[in-house]
C-alpha atoms as a PDB file:
ATOM      1  CA  MET A   1     173.145  98.207 167.600  1.00  0.00           C
ATOM      2  CA  SER A   2     172.179  94.658 167.037  1.00  0.00           C
ATOM      3  CA  LEU A   3     174.052  92.311 168.891  1.00  0.00           C
ATOM      4  CA  HIS A   4     173.304  87.916 168.186  1.00  0.00           C
ATOM      5  CA  SER A   5     172.283  85.133 170.230  1.00  0.00           C
ATOM      6  CA  HIS A   6     173.951  81.914 170.907  1.00  0.00           C
ATOM      7  CA  HIS A   7     172.938  78.889 172.548  1.00  0.00           C
ATOM      8  CA  PHE A   8     174.250  77.210 175.813  1.00  0.00           C
ATOM      9  CA  SER A   9     175.751  74.110 175.532  1.00  0.00           C
ATOM     10  CA  ARG A  10     173.770  70.559 176.309  1.00  0.00           C
ATOM     11  CA  ARG A  11     176.111  69.990 179.025  1.00  0.00           C
ATOM     12  CA  GLY A  12     175.848  73.367 180.519  1.00  0.00           C
ATOM     13  CA  THR A  13     172.057  73.691 180.033  1.00  0.00           C
ATOM     14  CA  VAL A  14     172.126  70.382 182.087  1.00  0.00           C
ATOM     15  CA  ALA A  15     173.862  71.595 184.597  1.00  0.00           C
ATOM     16  CA  LEU A  16     172.232  74.621 184.614  1.00  0.00           C
ATOM     17  CA  LEU A  17     168.963  72.959 184.592  1.00  0.00           C
ATOM     18  CA  THR A  18     169.868  70.771 187.742  1.00  0.00           C
ATOM     19  CA  ALA A  19     170.428  73.967 189.705  1.00  0.00           C
ATOM     20  CA  ALA A  20     167.397  75.557 188.727  1.00  0.00           C
ATOM     21  CA  LEU A  21     165.221  72.614 189.852  1.00  0.00           C
ATOM     22  CA  ALA A  22     167.176  72.402 192.787  1.00  0.00           C
ATOM     23  CA  GLY A  23     166.208  76.019 193.641  1.00  0.00           C
ATOM     24  CA  LEU A  24     162.346  75.379 192.857  1.00  0.00           C
ATOM     25  CA  THR A  25     162.126  72.913 195.210  1.00  0.00           C
ATOM     26  CA  ALA A  26     164.211  74.976 198.199  1.00  0.00           C
ATOM     27  CA  GLY A  27     161.002  77.107 197.437  1.00  0.00           C
ATOM     28  CA  GLY A  28     162.232  79.672 194.562  1.00  0.00           C
ATOM     29  CA  ALA A  29     160.309  80.780 191.477  1.00  0.00           C
ATOM     30  CA  ALA A  30     163.545  80.623 189.867  1.00  0.00           C
ATOM     31  CA  TRP A  31     162.352  80.238 185.928  1.00  0.00           C
ATOM     32  CA  GLY A  32     158.958  82.395 186.386  1.00  0.00           C
ATOM     33  CA  VAL A  33     155.665  80.420 185.489  1.00  0.00           C
ATOM     34  CA  THR A  34     155.597  76.827 183.671  1.00  0.00           C
ATOM     35  CA  SER A  35     155.060  77.138 180.423  1.00  0.00           C
ATOM     36  CA  THR A  36     151.390  75.117 181.088  1.00  0.00           C
ATOM     37  CA  ALA A  37     150.744  78.664 183.107  1.00  0.00           C
ATOM     38  CA  ALA A  38     151.959  81.103 180.276  1.00  0.00           C
ATOM     39  CA  GLN A  39     149.740  79.272 177.764  1.00  0.00           C
ATOM     40  CA  ALA A  40     146.540  79.231 179.171  1.00  0.00           C
ATOM     41  CA  SER A  41     146.902  82.751 179.994  1.00  0.00           C
ATOM     42  CA  ALA A  42     147.794  84.411 177.364  1.00  0.00           C
ATOM     43  CA  GLY A  43     146.287  82.216 174.456  1.00  0.00           C
ATOM     44  CA  ALA A  44     149.722  81.039 172.811  1.00  0.00           C
ATOM     45  CA  ARG A  45     152.422  78.825 173.301  1.00  0.00           C
ATOM     46  CA  THR A  46     155.546  79.812 175.559  1.00  0.00           C
ATOM     47  CA  CYS A  47     157.946  81.731 173.210  1.00  0.00           C
ATOM     48  CA  ALA A  48     161.437  79.137 172.981  1.00  0.00           C
ATOM     49  CA  VAL A  49     164.811  80.455 172.495  1.00  0.00           C
ATOM     50  CA  SER A  50     164.651  79.277 169.219  1.00  0.00           C
ATOM     51  CA  ASP A  51     161.794  81.212 168.613  1.00  0.00           C
ATOM     52  CA  LEU A  52     163.337  84.673 170.072  1.00  0.00           C
ATOM     53  CA  TYR A  53     166.398  87.000 168.598  1.00  0.00           C
ATOM     54  CA  LEU A  54     167.754  88.437 172.265  1.00  0.00           C
ATOM     55  CA  SER A  55     169.304  92.154 171.659  1.00  0.00           C
ATOM     56  CA  MET A  56     170.531  94.901 173.622  1.00  0.00           C
ATOM     57  CA  GLY A  57     169.152  98.367 173.387  1.00  0.00           C
ATOM     58  CA  ARG A  58     171.149 101.285 174.866  1.00  0.00           C
ATOM     59  CA  LYS A  59     172.973 102.066 178.486  1.00  0.00           C
ATOM     60  CA  GLU A  60     171.015 105.052 180.353  1.00  0.00           C
ATOM     61  CA  GLY A  61     172.330 106.419 183.391  1.00  0.00           C
ATOM     62  CA  ALA A  62     170.095 108.195 185.533  1.00  0.00           C
ATOM     63  CA  ALA A  63     170.464 108.867 189.462  1.00  0.00           C
ATOM     64  CA  GLY A  64     173.509 106.455 190.693  1.00  0.00           C
ATOM     65  CA  SER A  65     172.124 103.808 188.233  1.00  0.00           C
ATOM     66  CA  LEU A  66     172.893 102.212 184.973  1.00  0.00           C
ATOM     67  CA  TYR A  67     170.038 100.724 183.110  1.00  0.00           C
ATOM     68  CA  TRP A  68     170.148  98.492 179.895  1.00  0.00           C
ATOM     69  CA  THR A  69     167.278  97.070 178.186  1.00  0.00           C
ATOM     70  CA  ILE A  70     167.553  93.544 176.447  1.00  0.00           C
ATOM     71  CA  ARG A  71     165.067  93.068 173.860  1.00  0.00           C
ATOM     72  CA  PHE A  72     163.536  89.578 173.037  1.00  0.00           C
ATOM     73  CA  THR A  73     161.975  89.399 169.411  1.00  0.00           C
ATOM     74  CA  ASN A  74     160.071  86.850 168.382  1.00  0.00           C
ATOM     75  CA  THR A  75     161.229  84.902 165.188  1.00  0.00           C
ATOM     76  CA  SER A  76     159.006  82.692 164.313  1.00  0.00           C
ATOM     77  CA  THR A  77     156.032  82.531 162.123  1.00  0.00           C
ATOM     78  CA  THR A  78     153.663  82.004 164.676  1.00  0.00           C
ATOM     79  CA  LYS A  79     152.844  84.462 168.270  1.00  0.00           C
ATOM     80  CA  CYS A  80     154.267  83.065 171.519  1.00  0.00           C
ATOM     81  CA  ALA A  81     154.048  84.394 174.841  1.00  0.00           C
ATOM     82  CA  LEU A  82     156.427  85.447 177.590  1.00  0.00           C
ATOM     83  CA  ARG A  83     155.542  86.098 181.350  1.00  0.00           C
ATOM     84  CA  GLY A  84     157.437  86.762 183.886  1.00  0.00           C
ATOM     85  CA  TYR A  85     161.271  87.274 184.546  1.00  0.00           C
ATOM     86  CA  PRO A  86     164.440  86.752 182.669  1.00  0.00           C
ATOM     87  CA  GLY A  87     167.808  84.897 184.434  1.00  0.00           C
ATOM     88  CA  VAL A  88     170.408  86.858 183.894  1.00  0.00           C
ATOM     89  CA  SER A  89     174.247  86.689 184.693  1.00  0.00           C
ATOM     90  CA  VAL A  90     177.209  87.785 183.317  1.00  0.00           C
ATOM     91  CA  LEU A  91     180.259  85.871 182.133  1.00  0.00           C
ATOM     92  CA  ASP A  92     183.872  86.799 181.031  1.00  0.00           C
ATOM     93  CA  THR A  93     185.126  85.789 177.823  1.00  0.00           C
ATOM     94  CA  ALA A  94     185.454  82.109 179.209  1.00  0.00           C
ATOM     95  CA  HIS A  95     182.161  81.826 179.681  1.00  0.00           C
ATOM     96  CA  HIS A  96     182.711  81.819 183.629  1.00  0.00           C
ATOM     97  CA  GLN A  97     180.392  83.821 185.548  1.00  0.00           C
ATOM     98  CA  ILE A  98     180.985  86.769 187.368  1.00  0.00           C
ATOM     99  CA  GLY A  99     179.268  87.536 190.446  1.00  0.00           C
ATOM    100  CA  ALA A 100     175.926  86.461 191.460  1.00  0.00           C
ATOM    101  CA  ALA A 101     172.929  86.470 188.554  1.00  0.00           C
ATOM    102  CA  ALA A 102     170.388  89.493 188.939  1.00  0.00           C
ATOM    103  CA  THR A 103     167.619  89.437 191.446  1.00  0.00           C
ATOM    104  CA  ARG A 104     164.390  90.271 190.325  1.00  0.00           C
ATOM    105  CA  THR A 105     162.896  93.841 191.281  1.00  0.00           C
ATOM    106  CA  SER A 106     159.304  93.278 192.686  1.00  0.00           C
ATOM    107  CA  GLU A 107     157.138  94.482 189.847  1.00  0.00           C
ATOM    108  CA  SER A 108     154.150  92.934 189.118  1.00  0.00           C
ATOM    109  CA  TYR A 109     153.859  91.511 185.910  1.00  0.00           C
ATOM    110  CA  SER A 110     151.553  89.689 183.132  1.00  0.00           C
ATOM    111  CA  THR A 111     151.894  87.598 179.919  1.00  0.00           C
ATOM    112  CA  VAL A 112     153.291  89.765 176.571  1.00  0.00           C
ATOM    113  CA  THR A 113     152.042  87.848 173.544  1.00  0.00           C
ATOM    114  CA  LEU A 114     153.974  88.213 170.899  1.00  0.00           C
ATOM    115  CA  ALA A 115     153.516  88.275 167.115  1.00  0.00           C
ATOM    116  CA  PRO A 116     155.838  87.342 165.001  1.00  0.00           C
ATOM    117  CA  ALA A 117     158.554  90.191 164.305  1.00  0.00           C
ATOM    118  CA  ARG A 118     157.389  91.985 167.449  1.00  0.00           C
ATOM    119  CA  SER A 119     159.420  92.610 170.972  1.00  0.00           C
ATOM    120  CA  THR A 120     159.037  92.955 174.207  1.00  0.00           C
ATOM    121  CA  PHE A 121     161.555  93.980 176.545  1.00  0.00           C
ATOM    122  CA  ALA A 122     163.405  93.611 180.276  1.00  0.00           C
ATOM    123  CA  VAL A 123     165.774  95.732 181.822  1.00  0.00           C
ATOM    124  CA  ILE A 124     168.558  95.287 184.248  1.00  0.00           C
ATOM    125  CA  ARG A 125     170.047  97.849 186.366  1.00  0.00           C
ATOM    126  CA  THR A 126     173.207  98.456 188.573  1.00  0.00           C
ATOM    127  CA  THR A 127     174.893 101.033 190.516  1.00  0.00           C
ATOM    128  CA  ASN A 128     176.670 103.817 188.105  1.00  0.00           C
ATOM    129  CA  GLY A 129     180.403 102.679 189.428  1.00  0.00           C
ATOM    130  CA  PRO A 130     181.557 102.276 192.966  1.00  0.00           C
ATOM    131  CA  ILE A 131     179.106 104.101 194.886  1.00  0.00           C
ATOM    132  CA  GLY A 132     178.578 101.735 198.329  1.00  0.00           C
ATOM    133  CA  GLY A 133     180.696  99.037 197.490  1.00  0.00           C
ATOM    134  CA  PRO A 134     183.241  97.935 194.652  1.00  0.00           C
ATOM    135  CA  CYS A 135     182.762  96.921 191.189  1.00  0.00           C
ATOM    136  CA  LEU A 136     183.567  93.344 189.912  1.00  0.00           C
ATOM    137  CA  ARG A 137     185.801  92.957 186.650  1.00  0.00           C
ATOM    138  CA  THR A 138     183.537  93.785 183.453  1.00  0.00           C
ATOM    139  CA  GLY A 139     182.048  90.870 181.773  1.00  0.00           C
ATOM    140  CA  SER A 140     181.670  90.194 177.775  1.00  0.00           C
ATOM    141  CA  TYR A 141     178.386  88.208 178.099  1.00  0.00           C
ATOM    142  CA  LEU A 142     174.899  87.965 179.151  1.00  0.00           C
ATOM    143  CA  ARG A 143     173.728  84.778 180.172  1.00  0.00           C
ATOM    144  CA  ILE A 144     170.038  85.603 179.778  1.00  0.00           C
ATOM    145  CA  TYR A 145     167.456  82.765 180.135  1.00  0.00           C
ATOM    146  CA  PRO A 146     163.838  83.958 178.472  1.00  0.00           C
ATOM    147  CA  PRO A 147     160.951  83.382 181.447  1.00  0.00           C
ATOM    148  CA  ALA A 148     160.193  79.895 181.688  1.00  0.00           C
ATOM    149  CA  SER A 149     162.948  78.715 179.902  1.00  0.00           C
ATOM    150  CA  HIS A 150     165.926  76.336 181.047  1.00  0.00           C
ATOM    151  CA  THR A 151     168.007  77.044 177.913  1.00  0.00           C
ATOM    152  CA  ALA A 152     169.735  80.307 177.819  1.00  0.00           C
ATOM    153  CA  ALA A 153     171.192  82.693 175.072  1.00  0.00           C
ATOM    154  CA  LEU A 154     174.606  84.262 175.172  1.00  0.00           C
ATOM    155  CA  VAL A 155     174.238  88.365 173.991  1.00  0.00           C
ATOM    156  CA  PRO A 156     177.687  89.801 173.376  1.00  0.00           C
ATOM    157  CA  ALA A 157     177.174  92.646 176.168  1.00  0.00           C
ATOM    158  CA  ARG A 158     179.989  94.610 178.631  1.00  0.00           C
ATOM    159  CA  TRP A 159     178.284  94.791 181.361  1.00  0.00           C
ATOM    160  CA  THR A 160     180.058  95.530 185.116  1.00  0.00           C
ATOM    161  CA  ILE A 161     178.225  94.878 188.126  1.00  0.00           C
ATOM    162  CA  CYS A 162     178.963  97.842 190.843  1.00  0.00           C
ATOM    163  CA  SER A 163     178.050  97.946 194.633  1.00  0.00           C
ATOM    164  CA  GLY A 164     176.749  94.359 194.329  1.00  0.00           C
ATOM    165  CA  VAL A 165     173.607  95.704 192.449  1.00  0.00           C
ATOM    166  CA  PHE A 166     172.377  93.498 189.674  1.00  0.00           C
ATOM    167  CA  GLN A 167     168.378  93.958 189.395  1.00  0.00           C
ATOM    168  CA  VAL A 168     166.407  92.300 186.630  1.00  0.00           C
ATOM    169  CA  GLY A 169     162.663  93.850 185.912  1.00  0.00           C
ATOM    170  CA  PRO A 170     159.929  91.481 184.376  1.00  0.00           C
ATOM    171  CA  VAL A 171     159.819  91.342 180.191  1.00  0.00           C
ATOM    172  CA  ASN A 172     157.453  94.324 179.327  1.00  0.00           C
ATOM    173  CA  ASN A 173     156.110  96.439 176.306  1.00  0.00           C
ATOM    174  CA  GLU A 174     157.362  99.586 178.251  1.00  0.00           C
ATOM    175  CA  GLY A 175     161.024  98.658 178.487  1.00  0.00           C
ATOM    176  CA  THR A 176     160.606  99.806 182.218  1.00  0.00           C
ATOM    177  CA  LEU A 177     162.651  97.940 185.758  1.00  0.00           C
END
């Protein structure tokens, strides 16, 4: 099922950029690598949100967990690169965040270069129900920041964070967490 992405408002982007810079100053590389680093290691410019179509793959359950693949498709006419972890949070119908943003897995990553019309993936995870803790209310959207981006896309997606577990893996061509 293909879902359309929507760009975040300018005011929201400014607020989130301010929060991101505060997080970076506090010592966390919350947005992955810089555009320059991705360009240098991949030989291609960093993919901007405007270059990408974001959609969701199939939800799959295994061993008490629920996994969902985020697909990043290059819609531009030139190659671009992604490296690192996307930022992901769950929003309700009024675009208010539900719970904390996804934490990163500790998986290593490399630069993924996307030719036009090619895709790469990142996987999100929560528990498959209230295992060791309650579930939050179900969200209607995922707010997704591609790696190294300060602009988000809103993707219609029903997602429920359970047991305080919400993780995201790095972009990769295998579609693994």
